[in-house]
Amino acid sequence: MNVAAPTLSELRARVDQMQGRPAAQPVATHPAFAGLLQLQAGSTYSVDSMSLAVALMAGPSADGAWCGVVGTAELGLEAAAAAGVELRRTILVPDPGEAWLEVTAALIDVLGVVVLRAPAHVAAKDVSRIAARLRQRGGILIAHGDWPRSEARLSMCDVEWVGVGRGHGHLQARRATVEVRRGGAAPARRRQLWMPDADQAIRQVEDVAASTSSDAPTHLRSVS
């Protein structure tokens, strides 16, 4: 018996309702990630830099979501605001100490997006507890660091700073390749993004040749 895709979607939605969970729904995602990643309610995403965490947070924040940042003081407020994060709807808890799990769970109850500087080791039971909370509330967790069972893992590579010439000049923009991996064996999706461009905005690199400054870009290791 063949069941049409819309019917399967309706069945999943009804099961989620019966189990007290909202069906996974698309969440406003920064335009730079169009076709690369679509955020889904009730999911966890892990990133290897605060820059990527801010970029993922910016879409929901600009769309009206309240956000929280837990366990780190690395958030650059000016850069976050330029990326689209509404600081008036952002709660910062830079040092939750041993109560990081309780703080994160409490914020998931009331906020749309929570960014967490993940501890070096997270117990399986804590991962399950957070996952259940996200499904119940329809929230999103962005883990800066490794997090088991993430919906997708995002990383930056091939980072280039533009604006530095032969020993002179000022850093003006950063171009990087963003990789998105889903599952262990799935191939990564890649895209070059300005993070940020000369106007401090995050956007796609439409034409690498046309976008390159007359000054030769300097390749540096990304620090965040």
N, C-alpha and C. Protein backbone atom coordinates (compact mmCIF):
# COMPACT_ATOMS: atom_id res chain seq x y z
N MET A 1 0.85 -1.20 0.00
CA MET A 1 0.00 0.00 0.00
C MET A 1 0.88 1.24 0.00
N ASN A 2 0.65 2.11 -0.95
CA ASN A 2 1.40 3.35 -1.04
C ASN A 2 0.63 4.48 -0.37
N VAL A 3 1.32 5.21 0.47
CA VAL A 3 0.69 6.34 1.16
C VAL A 3 1.30 7.62 0.64
N ALA A 4 0.48 8.56 0.23
CA ALA A 4 0.98 9.82 -0.32
C ALA A 4 1.75 10.59 0.72
N ALA A 5 2.75 11.36 0.25
CA ALA A 5 3.59 12.14 1.16
C ALA A 5 2.79 13.08 2.05
N PRO A 6 1.80 13.81 1.53
CA PRO A 6 1.02 14.69 2.40
C PRO A 6 0.33 13.93 3.53
N THR A 7 -0.14 12.68 3.22
CA THR A 7 -0.80 11.88 4.24
C THR A 7 0.18 11.49 5.34
N LEU A 8 1.40 11.12 4.96
CA LEU A 8 2.43 10.79 5.95
C LEU A 8 2.72 11.99 6.84
N SER A 9 2.80 13.16 6.25
CA SER A 9 3.06 14.38 7.01
C SER A 9 1.94 14.64 8.02
N GLU A 10 0.70 14.42 7.58
CA GLU A 10 -0.43 14.62 8.48
C GLU A 10 -0.40 13.63 9.63
N LEU A 11 -0.03 12.37 9.33
CA LEU A 11 0.05 11.35 10.38
C LEU A 11 1.12 11.71 11.41
N ARG A 12 2.30 12.17 10.91
CA ARG A 12 3.37 12.55 11.83
C ARG A 12 2.91 13.70 12.73
N ALA A 13 2.21 14.66 12.14
CA ALA A 13 1.74 15.80 12.92
C ALA A 13 0.76 15.37 14.00
N ARG A 14 -0.14 14.42 13.65
CA ARG A 14 -1.12 13.94 14.63
C ARG A 14 -0.44 13.17 15.75
N VAL A 15 0.57 12.35 15.40
CA VAL A 15 1.31 11.61 16.43
C VAL A 15 2.02 12.58 17.37
N ASP A 16 2.64 13.61 16.79
CA ASP A 16 3.33 14.60 17.62
C ASP A 16 2.36 15.27 18.58
N GLN A 17 1.16 15.60 18.10
CA GLN A 17 0.17 16.23 18.96
C GLN A 17 -0.26 15.29 20.08
N MET A 18 -0.46 14.01 19.75
CA MET A 18 -0.87 13.03 20.76
C MET A 18 0.21 12.84 21.81
N GLN A 19 1.47 12.99 21.42
CA GLN A 19 2.58 12.82 22.36
C GLN A 19 2.94 14.12 23.06
N GLY A 20 2.18 15.17 22.81
CA GLY A 20 2.44 16.44 23.47
C GLY A 20 3.59 17.21 22.87
N ARG A 21 3.94 16.90 21.60
CA ARG A 21 5.05 17.59 20.96
C ARG A 21 4.53 18.32 19.74
N PRO A 22 5.00 19.56 19.51
CA PRO A 22 4.65 20.24 18.27
C PRO A 22 5.38 19.60 17.10
N ALA A 23 4.71 19.48 15.95
CA ALA A 23 5.38 18.96 14.77
C ALA A 23 6.51 19.89 14.38
N ALA A 24 7.61 19.30 13.87
CA ALA A 24 8.75 20.12 13.46
C ALA A 24 8.30 21.11 12.39
N GLN A 25 8.58 22.36 12.61
CA GLN A 25 8.18 23.40 11.68
C GLN A 25 9.41 24.22 11.29
N PRO A 26 9.45 24.70 10.05
CA PRO A 26 10.57 25.56 9.66
C PRO A 26 10.59 26.83 10.52
N VAL A 27 11.78 27.28 10.81
CA VAL A 27 11.98 28.51 11.60
C VAL A 27 12.75 29.49 10.73
N ALA A 28 12.44 30.76 10.86
CA ALA A 28 13.12 31.79 10.08
C ALA A 28 14.63 31.60 10.16
N THR A 29 15.26 31.50 9.00
CA THR A 29 16.70 31.24 8.90
C THR A 29 17.35 32.38 8.13
N HIS A 30 18.55 32.78 8.53
CA HIS A 30 19.24 33.89 7.86
C HIS A 30 19.29 33.63 6.36
N PRO A 31 19.01 34.65 5.54
CA PRO A 31 19.00 34.47 4.07
C PRO A 31 20.30 33.91 3.51
N ALA A 32 21.42 34.14 4.18
CA ALA A 32 22.70 33.63 3.68
C ALA A 32 22.72 32.10 3.62
N PHE A 33 21.84 31.44 4.41
CA PHE A 33 21.82 29.98 4.45
C PHE A 33 20.75 29.37 3.55
N ALA A 34 20.08 30.19 2.75
CA ALA A 34 19.03 29.70 1.87
C ALA A 34 19.57 28.61 0.95
N GLY A 35 18.91 27.46 0.94
CA GLY A 35 19.35 26.34 0.12
C GLY A 35 20.47 25.52 0.74
N LEU A 36 21.01 25.99 1.85
CA LEU A 36 22.10 25.28 2.53
C LEU A 36 21.62 24.64 3.82
N LEU A 37 20.78 25.36 4.57
CA LEU A 37 20.27 24.88 5.85
C LEU A 37 18.96 25.57 6.16
N GLN A 38 17.99 24.80 6.61
CA GLN A 38 16.72 25.34 7.09
C GLN A 38 16.53 24.92 8.54
N LEU A 39 16.48 25.89 9.44
CA LEU A 39 16.29 25.57 10.85
C LEU A 39 14.90 24.98 11.08
N GLN A 40 14.84 24.00 11.98
CA GLN A 40 13.58 23.35 12.32
C GLN A 40 13.34 23.44 13.82
N ALA A 41 12.11 23.73 14.19
CA ALA A 41 11.75 23.78 15.59
C ALA A 41 11.99 22.44 16.25
N GLY A 42 12.45 22.46 17.50
CA GLY A 42 12.67 21.24 18.26
C GLY A 42 13.99 20.56 17.98
N SER A 43 14.93 21.27 17.32
CA SER A 43 16.18 20.64 16.89
C SER A 43 17.40 21.28 17.55
N THR A 44 18.51 20.54 17.49
CA THR A 44 19.80 21.02 17.99
C THR A 44 20.78 21.10 16.83
N TYR A 45 21.56 22.17 16.81
CA TYR A 45 22.59 22.37 15.79
C TYR A 45 23.90 22.67 16.51
N SER A 46 24.99 22.06 16.06
CA SER A 46 26.29 22.33 16.68
C SER A 46 27.17 23.09 15.71
N VAL A 47 27.95 24.02 16.24
CA VAL A 47 28.82 24.88 15.42
C VAL A 47 30.20 24.91 16.05
N ASP A 48 31.19 25.26 15.23
CA ASP A 48 32.56 25.29 15.74
C ASP A 48 33.06 26.70 16.02
N SER A 49 32.16 27.69 15.93
CA SER A 49 32.58 29.07 16.21
C SER A 49 31.39 29.89 16.64
N MET A 50 31.65 30.93 17.42
CA MET A 50 30.59 31.83 17.84
C MET A 50 30.04 32.62 16.66
N SER A 51 30.85 32.83 15.63
CA SER A 51 30.37 33.53 14.43
C SER A 51 29.22 32.77 13.80
N LEU A 52 29.35 31.45 13.69
CA LEU A 52 28.27 30.65 13.13
C LEU A 52 27.06 30.61 14.05
N ALA A 53 27.30 30.58 15.35
CA ALA A 53 26.19 30.60 16.30
C ALA A 53 25.38 31.88 16.13
N VAL A 54 26.07 33.01 16.00
CA VAL A 54 25.39 34.29 15.81
C VAL A 54 24.60 34.29 14.50
N ALA A 55 25.21 33.75 13.43
CA ALA A 55 24.54 33.73 12.13
C ALA A 55 23.26 32.90 12.19
N LEU A 56 23.28 31.77 12.90
CA LEU A 56 22.09 30.95 13.03
C LEU A 56 21.05 31.61 13.92
N MET A 57 21.50 32.30 14.96
CA MET A 57 20.58 32.98 15.87
C MET A 57 19.92 34.18 15.21
N ALA A 58 20.61 34.79 14.23
CA ALA A 58 20.15 36.06 13.65
C ALA A 58 18.82 35.92 12.93
N GLY A 59 18.60 34.80 12.23
CA GLY A 59 17.36 34.63 11.49
C GLY A 59 16.13 34.65 12.39
N PRO A 60 16.06 33.75 13.38
CA PRO A 60 14.91 33.76 14.29
C PRO A 60 14.79 35.07 15.07
N SER A 61 15.92 35.63 15.50
CA SER A 61 15.89 36.86 16.27
C SER A 61 15.28 38.00 15.48
N ALA A 62 15.72 38.15 14.22
CA ALA A 62 15.17 39.21 13.38
C ALA A 62 13.69 39.00 13.11
N ASP A 63 13.24 37.74 13.21
CA ASP A 63 11.84 37.42 12.97
C ASP A 63 10.98 37.58 14.22
N GLY A 64 11.60 37.98 15.33
CA GLY A 64 10.84 38.25 16.55
C GLY A 64 11.08 37.31 17.70
N ALA A 65 11.92 36.28 17.52
CA ALA A 65 12.16 35.32 18.59
C ALA A 65 13.04 35.91 19.69
N TRP A 66 12.76 35.51 20.93
CA TRP A 66 13.67 35.81 22.04
C TRP A 66 14.77 34.76 22.05
N CYS A 67 15.99 35.19 22.37
CA CYS A 67 17.15 34.31 22.34
C CYS A 67 17.92 34.40 23.65
N GLY A 68 18.67 33.35 23.94
CA GLY A 68 19.53 33.35 25.11
C GLY A 68 20.91 32.81 24.75
N VAL A 69 21.93 33.29 25.44
CA VAL A 69 23.31 32.83 25.23
C VAL A 69 23.85 32.42 26.60
N VAL A 70 24.25 31.14 26.72
CA VAL A 70 24.63 30.58 28.01
C VAL A 70 26.07 30.06 27.96
N GLY A 71 26.84 30.39 29.00
CA GLY A 71 28.13 29.76 29.19
C GLY A 71 29.29 30.37 28.44
N THR A 72 29.15 31.56 27.90
CA THR A 72 30.25 32.20 27.18
C THR A 72 30.11 33.72 27.24
N ALA A 73 31.27 34.38 27.27
CA ALA A 73 31.30 35.84 27.18
C ALA A 73 31.86 36.27 25.84
N GLU A 74 31.92 35.35 24.86
CA GLU A 74 32.52 35.63 23.56
C GLU A 74 31.61 36.40 22.62
N LEU A 75 30.35 36.52 22.96
CA LEU A 75 29.42 37.18 22.05
C LEU A 75 29.80 38.64 21.86
N GLY A 76 30.13 39.03 20.63
CA GLY A 76 30.39 40.43 20.31
C GLY A 76 29.07 41.12 20.02
N LEU A 77 28.66 42.01 20.91
CA LEU A 77 27.33 42.60 20.79
C LEU A 77 27.18 43.42 19.52
N GLU A 78 28.20 44.20 19.17
CA GLU A 78 28.11 45.02 17.97
C GLU A 78 28.00 44.15 16.72
N ALA A 79 28.82 43.09 16.64
CA ALA A 79 28.77 42.19 15.49
C ALA A 79 27.44 41.45 15.44
N ALA A 80 26.93 41.03 16.60
CA ALA A 80 25.66 40.32 16.64
C ALA A 80 24.52 41.21 16.15
N ALA A 81 24.52 42.47 16.58
CA ALA A 81 23.48 43.39 16.14
C ALA A 81 23.56 43.63 14.64
N ALA A 82 24.79 43.75 14.11
CA ALA A 82 24.96 43.96 12.67
C ALA A 82 24.48 42.75 11.88
N ALA A 83 24.60 41.55 12.46
CA ALA A 83 24.16 40.33 11.78
C ALA A 83 22.65 40.18 11.78
N GLY A 84 21.95 40.93 12.64
CA GLY A 84 20.50 40.85 12.69
C GLY A 84 19.93 40.41 14.02
N VAL A 85 20.79 40.19 15.02
CA VAL A 85 20.31 39.79 16.34
C VAL A 85 19.75 41.00 17.06
N GLU A 86 18.52 40.88 17.55
CA GLU A 86 17.89 41.96 18.30
C GLU A 86 18.32 41.86 19.77
N LEU A 87 19.22 42.75 20.17
CA LEU A 87 19.79 42.64 21.51
C LEU A 87 18.76 42.87 22.61
N ARG A 88 17.71 43.61 22.31
CA ARG A 88 16.68 43.86 23.33
C ARG A 88 15.87 42.61 23.63
N ARG A 89 15.98 41.59 22.77
CA ARG A 89 15.29 40.33 23.01
C ARG A 89 16.30 39.20 23.22
N THR A 90 17.47 39.55 23.75
CA THR A 90 18.52 38.56 23.98
C THR A 90 18.93 38.55 25.44
N ILE A 91 18.94 37.39 26.04
CA ILE A 91 19.31 37.21 27.45
C ILE A 91 20.68 36.55 27.53
N LEU A 92 21.60 37.14 28.30
CA LEU A 92 22.95 36.61 28.42
C LEU A 92 23.16 36.02 29.81
N VAL A 93 23.66 34.80 29.86
CA VAL A 93 24.05 34.15 31.12
C VAL A 93 25.47 33.64 30.91
N PRO A 94 26.48 34.52 31.04
CA PRO A 94 27.84 34.13 30.66
C PRO A 94 28.47 33.07 31.54
N ASP A 95 28.07 32.97 32.81
CA ASP A 95 28.74 32.02 33.70
C ASP A 95 27.71 31.31 34.59
N PRO A 96 27.06 30.27 34.05
CA PRO A 96 26.07 29.54 34.86
C PRO A 96 26.70 28.56 35.83
N GLY A 97 28.03 28.34 35.71
CA GLY A 97 28.72 27.40 36.59
C GLY A 97 28.20 25.99 36.42
N GLU A 98 28.08 25.27 37.53
CA GLU A 98 27.62 23.88 37.50
C GLU A 98 26.14 23.78 37.15
N ALA A 99 25.43 24.89 37.16
CA ALA A 99 23.99 24.87 36.89
C ALA A 99 23.67 25.08 35.42
N TRP A 100 24.64 24.81 34.53
CA TRP A 100 24.42 25.10 33.12
C TRP A 100 23.23 24.34 32.55
N LEU A 101 23.04 23.10 33.00
CA LEU A 101 21.94 22.29 32.47
C LEU A 101 20.59 22.86 32.90
N GLU A 102 20.47 23.21 34.17
CA GLU A 102 19.22 23.76 34.68
C GLU A 102 18.91 25.11 34.02
N VAL A 103 19.96 25.93 33.85
CA VAL A 103 19.76 27.24 33.23
C VAL A 103 19.33 27.07 31.78
N THR A 104 20.00 26.18 31.05
CA THR A 104 19.66 25.95 29.65
C THR A 104 18.23 25.44 29.52
N ALA A 105 17.85 24.47 30.35
CA ALA A 105 16.50 23.92 30.29
C ALA A 105 15.46 24.99 30.60
N ALA A 106 15.75 25.84 31.59
CA ALA A 106 14.80 26.89 31.95
C ALA A 106 14.62 27.90 30.81
N LEU A 107 15.71 28.23 30.13
CA LEU A 107 15.61 29.18 29.03
C LEU A 107 14.88 28.57 27.84
N ILE A 108 15.09 27.28 27.59
CA ILE A 108 14.37 26.61 26.50
C ILE A 108 12.86 26.69 26.73
N ASP A 109 12.44 26.69 28.00
CA ASP A 109 11.01 26.77 28.32
C ASP A 109 10.39 28.08 27.86
N VAL A 110 11.19 29.14 27.79
CA VAL A 110 10.59 30.47 27.55
C VAL A 110 11.14 31.19 26.33
N LEU A 111 12.24 30.69 25.74
CA LEU A 111 12.86 31.38 24.61
C LEU A 111 12.79 30.52 23.35
N GLY A 112 12.85 31.17 22.20
CA GLY A 112 12.81 30.45 20.94
C GLY A 112 14.12 29.80 20.57
N VAL A 113 15.25 30.47 20.92
CA VAL A 113 16.58 29.98 20.55
C VAL A 113 17.51 30.13 21.74
N VAL A 114 18.28 29.09 22.02
CA VAL A 114 19.29 29.16 23.09
C VAL A 114 20.64 28.73 22.51
N VAL A 115 21.63 29.59 22.67
CA VAL A 115 23.01 29.28 22.28
C VAL A 115 23.75 28.85 23.55
N LEU A 116 24.40 27.70 23.50
CA LEU A 116 25.09 27.15 24.67
C LEU A 116 26.53 26.84 24.31
N ARG A 117 27.46 27.34 25.15
CA ARG A 117 28.85 26.89 25.03
C ARG A 117 28.93 25.53 25.68
N ALA A 118 28.96 24.51 24.84
CA ALA A 118 28.82 23.15 25.33
C ALA A 118 29.99 22.74 26.22
N PRO A 119 29.72 22.07 27.35
CA PRO A 119 30.81 21.52 28.17
C PRO A 119 31.59 20.49 27.39
N ALA A 120 32.80 20.18 27.86
CA ALA A 120 33.65 19.20 27.17
C ALA A 120 32.98 17.83 27.11
N HIS A 121 32.24 17.49 28.14
CA HIS A 121 31.54 16.20 28.15
C HIS A 121 30.10 16.42 28.58
N VAL A 122 29.17 15.86 27.79
CA VAL A 122 27.75 15.96 28.11
C VAL A 122 27.21 14.54 28.25
N ALA A 123 26.62 14.24 29.38
CA ALA A 123 26.09 12.90 29.62
C ALA A 123 24.90 12.62 28.70
N ALA A 124 24.75 11.35 28.33
CA ALA A 124 23.67 10.95 27.43
C ALA A 124 22.30 11.31 28.00
N LYS A 125 22.13 11.16 29.31
CA LYS A 125 20.84 11.48 29.92
C LYS A 125 20.54 12.97 29.83
N ASP A 126 21.58 13.81 29.89
CA ASP A 126 21.37 15.25 29.77
C ASP A 126 21.01 15.64 28.34
N VAL A 127 21.64 14.95 27.36
CA VAL A 127 21.29 15.19 25.96
C VAL A 127 19.83 14.84 25.72
N SER A 128 19.39 13.71 26.27
CA SER A 128 18.00 13.27 26.10
C SER A 128 17.04 14.24 26.77
N ARG A 129 17.43 14.75 27.94
CA ARG A 129 16.56 15.69 28.66
C ARG A 129 16.38 16.97 27.86
N ILE A 130 17.47 17.49 27.30
CA ILE A 130 17.39 18.71 26.51
C ILE A 130 16.59 18.47 25.24
N ALA A 131 16.81 17.32 24.59
CA ALA A 131 16.09 17.01 23.35
C ALA A 131 14.58 16.95 23.60
N ALA A 132 14.18 16.34 24.70
CA ALA A 132 12.76 16.25 25.03
C ALA A 132 12.18 17.64 25.28
N ARG A 133 12.94 18.48 25.96
CA ARG A 133 12.48 19.84 26.25
C ARG A 133 12.29 20.62 24.95
N LEU A 134 13.24 20.47 24.02
CA LEU A 134 13.16 21.18 22.75
C LEU A 134 11.94 20.73 21.95
N ARG A 135 11.67 19.44 21.94
CA ARG A 135 10.51 18.95 21.20
C ARG A 135 9.21 19.46 21.80
N GLN A 136 9.15 19.47 23.13
CA GLN A 136 7.94 19.93 23.79
C GLN A 136 7.67 21.40 23.56
N ARG A 137 8.73 22.19 23.56
CA ARG A 137 8.58 23.65 23.47
C ARG A 137 8.74 24.18 22.05
N GLY A 138 9.25 23.34 21.14
CA GLY A 138 9.47 23.82 19.78
C GLY A 138 10.61 24.79 19.66
N GLY A 139 11.57 24.68 20.58
CA GLY A 139 12.71 25.59 20.58
C GLY A 139 13.87 25.06 19.76
N ILE A 140 14.94 25.85 19.71
CA ILE A 140 16.16 25.48 18.99
C ILE A 140 17.35 25.67 19.93
N LEU A 141 18.23 24.67 19.96
CA LEU A 141 19.49 24.78 20.70
C LEU A 141 20.63 24.85 19.69
N ILE A 142 21.49 25.85 19.85
CA ILE A 142 22.70 25.98 19.04
C ILE A 142 23.88 25.75 19.98
N ALA A 143 24.54 24.63 19.82
CA ALA A 143 25.65 24.27 20.72
C ALA A 143 26.97 24.69 20.09
N HIS A 144 27.70 25.56 20.79
CA HIS A 144 29.05 25.93 20.36
C HIS A 144 29.99 24.88 20.92
N GLY A 145 30.36 23.92 20.08
CA GLY A 145 31.15 22.79 20.51
C GLY A 145 30.43 21.51 20.12
N ASP A 146 30.98 20.39 20.51
CA ASP A 146 30.40 19.10 20.13
C ASP A 146 29.15 18.81 20.94
N TRP A 147 28.11 18.35 20.25
CA TRP A 147 26.87 17.96 20.92
C TRP A 147 26.32 16.71 20.24
N PRO A 148 26.16 15.62 20.98
CA PRO A 148 25.67 14.38 20.37
C PRO A 148 24.28 14.56 19.77
N ARG A 149 24.02 13.84 18.71
CA ARG A 149 22.69 13.78 18.07
C ARG A 149 22.22 15.13 17.58
N SER A 150 23.13 15.92 17.06
CA SER A 150 22.73 17.20 16.47
C SER A 150 22.05 16.97 15.13
N GLU A 151 21.09 17.81 14.82
CA GLU A 151 20.42 17.75 13.52
C GLU A 151 21.41 18.00 12.40
N ALA A 152 22.33 18.95 12.63
CA ALA A 152 23.38 19.26 11.65
C ALA A 152 24.55 19.87 12.38
N ARG A 153 25.73 19.70 11.79
CA ARG A 153 26.95 20.28 12.34
C ARG A 153 27.53 21.25 11.32
N LEU A 154 27.81 22.47 11.77
CA LEU A 154 28.32 23.51 10.89
C LEU A 154 29.73 23.88 11.29
N SER A 155 30.59 24.07 10.28
CA SER A 155 31.97 24.47 10.55
C SER A 155 32.43 25.44 9.48
N MET A 156 33.48 26.19 9.80
CA MET A 156 34.08 27.13 8.86
C MET A 156 35.47 26.67 8.49
N CYS A 157 35.83 26.84 7.21
CA CYS A 157 37.18 26.54 6.75
C CYS A 157 37.55 27.50 5.64
N ASP A 158 38.79 27.43 5.19
CA ASP A 158 39.28 28.30 4.11
C ASP A 158 38.95 29.76 4.38
N VAL A 159 39.31 30.21 5.57
CA VAL A 159 38.98 31.58 5.99
C VAL A 159 39.99 32.56 5.41
N GLU A 160 39.50 33.64 4.82
CA GLU A 160 40.34 34.70 4.28
C GLU A 160 39.87 36.05 4.76
N TRP A 161 40.80 36.85 5.21
CA TRP A 161 40.50 38.24 5.58
C TRP A 161 40.88 39.13 4.40
N VAL A 162 40.02 40.07 4.08
CA VAL A 162 40.25 40.99 2.97
C VAL A 162 40.54 42.38 3.53
N GLY A 163 41.53 43.04 2.96
CA GLY A 163 41.83 44.41 3.36
C GLY A 163 43.28 44.63 3.74
N VAL A 164 44.01 43.54 3.98
CA VAL A 164 45.41 43.68 4.35
C VAL A 164 46.27 43.50 3.09
N GLY A 165 47.05 44.53 2.77
CA GLY A 165 47.93 44.45 1.61
C GLY A 165 49.30 43.95 2.00
N ARG A 166 50.31 44.47 1.37
CA ARG A 166 51.69 44.04 1.66
C ARG A 166 52.20 44.78 2.91
N GLY A 167 51.76 44.29 4.05
CA GLY A 167 52.22 44.87 5.31
C GLY A 167 51.48 46.11 5.74
N HIS A 168 50.36 46.44 5.10
CA HIS A 168 49.60 47.63 5.51
C HIS A 168 48.13 47.40 5.22
N GLY A 169 47.29 48.32 5.70
CA GLY A 169 45.86 48.22 5.46
C GLY A 169 45.11 47.82 6.72
N HIS A 170 43.79 47.68 6.57
CA HIS A 170 42.93 47.32 7.69
C HIS A 170 42.04 46.15 7.29
N LEU A 171 41.77 45.27 8.25
CA LEU A 171 40.86 44.16 7.99
C LEU A 171 39.47 44.71 7.72
N GLN A 172 38.90 44.35 6.57
CA GLN A 172 37.61 44.91 6.16
C GLN A 172 36.50 43.87 6.11
N ALA A 173 36.82 42.66 5.72
CA ALA A 173 35.79 41.63 5.56
C ALA A 173 36.42 40.26 5.69
N ARG A 174 35.59 39.28 6.01
CA ARG A 174 36.06 37.91 6.14
C ARG A 174 35.23 37.00 5.25
N ARG A 175 35.92 36.26 4.41
CA ARG A 175 35.27 35.31 3.52
C ARG A 175 35.62 33.91 4.00
N ALA A 176 34.62 33.03 4.09
CA ALA A 176 34.87 31.68 4.60
C ALA A 176 33.96 30.69 3.91
N THR A 177 34.39 29.46 3.85
CA THR A 177 33.55 28.36 3.37
C THR A 177 32.85 27.75 4.57
N VAL A 178 31.54 27.69 4.51
CA VAL A 178 30.74 27.08 5.57
C VAL A 178 30.33 25.69 5.13
N GLU A 179 30.61 24.70 5.98
CA GLU A 179 30.24 23.31 5.71
C GLU A 179 29.09 22.91 6.63
N VAL A 180 28.11 22.22 6.06
CA VAL A 180 26.98 21.71 6.82
C VAL A 180 26.93 20.20 6.63
N ARG A 181 27.03 19.47 7.73
CA ARG A 181 26.99 18.01 7.67
C ARG A 181 25.78 17.49 8.45
N ARG A 182 25.07 16.57 7.82
CA ARG A 182 23.95 15.89 8.47
C ARG A 182 24.26 14.40 8.53
N GLY A 183 24.26 13.82 9.71
CA GLY A 183 24.55 12.40 9.84
C GLY A 183 26.02 12.09 9.64
N GLY A 184 26.39 10.85 9.91
CA GLY A 184 27.80 10.49 9.85
C GLY A 184 28.34 10.31 8.45
N ALA A 185 27.53 9.74 7.53
CA ALA A 185 28.04 9.42 6.21
C ALA A 185 27.62 10.40 5.12
N ALA A 186 26.68 11.28 5.43
CA ALA A 186 26.18 12.20 4.40
C ALA A 186 27.26 13.19 3.99
N PRO A 187 27.37 13.46 2.68
CA PRO A 187 28.38 14.44 2.25
C PRO A 187 28.03 15.84 2.73
N ALA A 188 29.04 16.64 2.96
CA ALA A 188 28.83 18.00 3.46
C ALA A 188 28.37 18.90 2.34
N ARG A 189 27.49 19.83 2.68
CA ARG A 189 27.14 20.91 1.78
C ARG A 189 28.05 22.08 2.08
N ARG A 190 28.46 22.79 1.03
CA ARG A 190 29.41 23.89 1.22
C ARG A 190 28.93 25.15 0.51
N ARG A 191 29.29 26.28 1.11
CA ARG A 191 29.01 27.56 0.47
C ARG A 191 29.98 28.61 1.01
N GLN A 192 30.41 29.50 0.14
CA GLN A 192 31.24 30.62 0.58
C GLN A 192 30.34 31.77 1.03
N LEU A 193 30.65 32.26 2.22
CA LEU A 193 29.89 33.39 2.78
C LEU A 193 30.84 34.48 3.20
N TRP A 194 30.35 35.71 3.17
CA TRP A 194 31.03 36.82 3.86
C TRP A 194 30.57 36.79 5.30
N MET A 195 31.52 36.68 6.25
CA MET A 195 31.17 36.61 7.66
C MET A 195 32.12 37.46 8.51
N PRO A 196 31.99 38.79 8.45
CA PRO A 196 31.02 39.57 7.68
C PRO A 196 31.66 40.20 6.46
N ASP A 197 30.83 40.96 5.68
CA ASP A 197 31.39 41.74 4.58
C ASP A 197 31.84 43.10 5.08
N ALA A 198 32.19 43.99 4.19
CA ALA A 198 32.72 45.30 4.59
C ALA A 198 31.70 46.13 5.35
N ASP A 199 30.41 45.81 5.20
CA ASP A 199 29.34 46.53 5.91
C ASP A 199 28.90 45.79 7.16
N GLN A 200 29.68 44.79 7.58
CA GLN A 200 29.40 43.99 8.78
C GLN A 200 28.18 43.10 8.63
N ALA A 201 27.76 42.84 7.39
CA ALA A 201 26.61 41.97 7.14
C ALA A 201 27.09 40.58 6.75
N ILE A 202 26.27 39.58 7.05
CA ILE A 202 26.53 38.21 6.63
C ILE A 202 25.75 37.95 5.35
N ARG A 203 26.45 37.50 4.31
CA ARG A 203 25.77 37.26 3.04
C ARG A 203 26.56 36.26 2.21
N GLN A 204 25.92 35.77 1.14
CA GLN A 204 26.58 34.84 0.25
C GLN A 204 27.61 35.56 -0.61
N VAL A 205 28.65 34.82 -0.99
CA VAL A 205 29.62 35.32 -1.96
C VAL A 205 29.11 34.91 -3.34
N GLU A 206 28.50 35.88 -4.03
CA GLU A 206 27.88 35.55 -5.32
C GLU A 206 28.91 35.24 -6.39
N ASP A 207 29.94 36.07 -6.46
CA ASP A 207 30.96 35.91 -7.49
C ASP A 207 32.31 36.14 -6.84
N VAL A 208 33.05 35.06 -6.65
CA VAL A 208 34.32 35.16 -5.93
C VAL A 208 35.26 36.14 -6.61
N ALA A 209 35.37 36.07 -7.94
CA ALA A 209 36.31 36.94 -8.66
C ALA A 209 35.91 38.39 -8.53
N ALA A 210 34.60 38.67 -8.67
CA ALA A 210 34.15 40.06 -8.62
C ALA A 210 34.17 40.60 -7.21
N SER A 211 34.03 39.70 -6.21
CA SER A 211 33.95 40.15 -4.83
C SER A 211 35.31 40.42 -4.21
N THR A 212 36.39 39.92 -4.81
CA THR A 212 37.71 40.05 -4.22
C THR A 212 38.20 41.47 -4.30
N SER A 213 38.72 41.97 -3.20
CA SER A 213 39.26 43.32 -3.16
C SER A 213 40.50 43.42 -4.03
N SER A 214 40.83 44.64 -4.44
CA SER A 214 42.06 44.85 -5.22
C SER A 214 43.28 44.49 -4.39
N ASP A 215 43.16 44.59 -3.08
CA ASP A 215 44.24 44.12 -2.22
C ASP A 215 44.14 42.60 -2.13
N ALA A 216 45.24 41.91 -2.23
CA ALA A 216 45.22 40.45 -2.13
C ALA A 216 44.78 40.05 -0.74
N PRO A 217 43.75 39.17 -0.60
CA PRO A 217 43.30 38.76 0.72
C PRO A 217 44.37 37.94 1.42
N THR A 218 44.42 38.10 2.74
CA THR A 218 45.39 37.36 3.54
C THR A 218 44.69 36.20 4.21
N HIS A 219 45.22 35.00 4.05
CA HIS A 219 44.62 33.80 4.64
C HIS A 219 45.10 33.68 6.08
N LEU A 220 44.14 33.69 7.02
CA LEU A 220 44.47 33.58 8.43
C LEU A 220 43.63 32.49 9.05
N ARG A 221 44.07 31.99 10.16
CA ARG A 221 43.27 31.03 10.91
C ARG A 221 42.12 31.77 11.59
N SER A 222 40.92 31.20 11.47
CA SER A 222 39.75 31.80 12.12
C SER A 222 39.83 31.56 13.62
N VAL A 223 39.55 32.61 14.39
CA VAL A 223 39.56 32.46 15.84
C VAL A 223 38.16 32.38 16.41
N SER A 224 37.13 32.72 15.65
CA SER A 224 35.75 32.59 16.12
C SER A 224 34.81 32.81 14.99
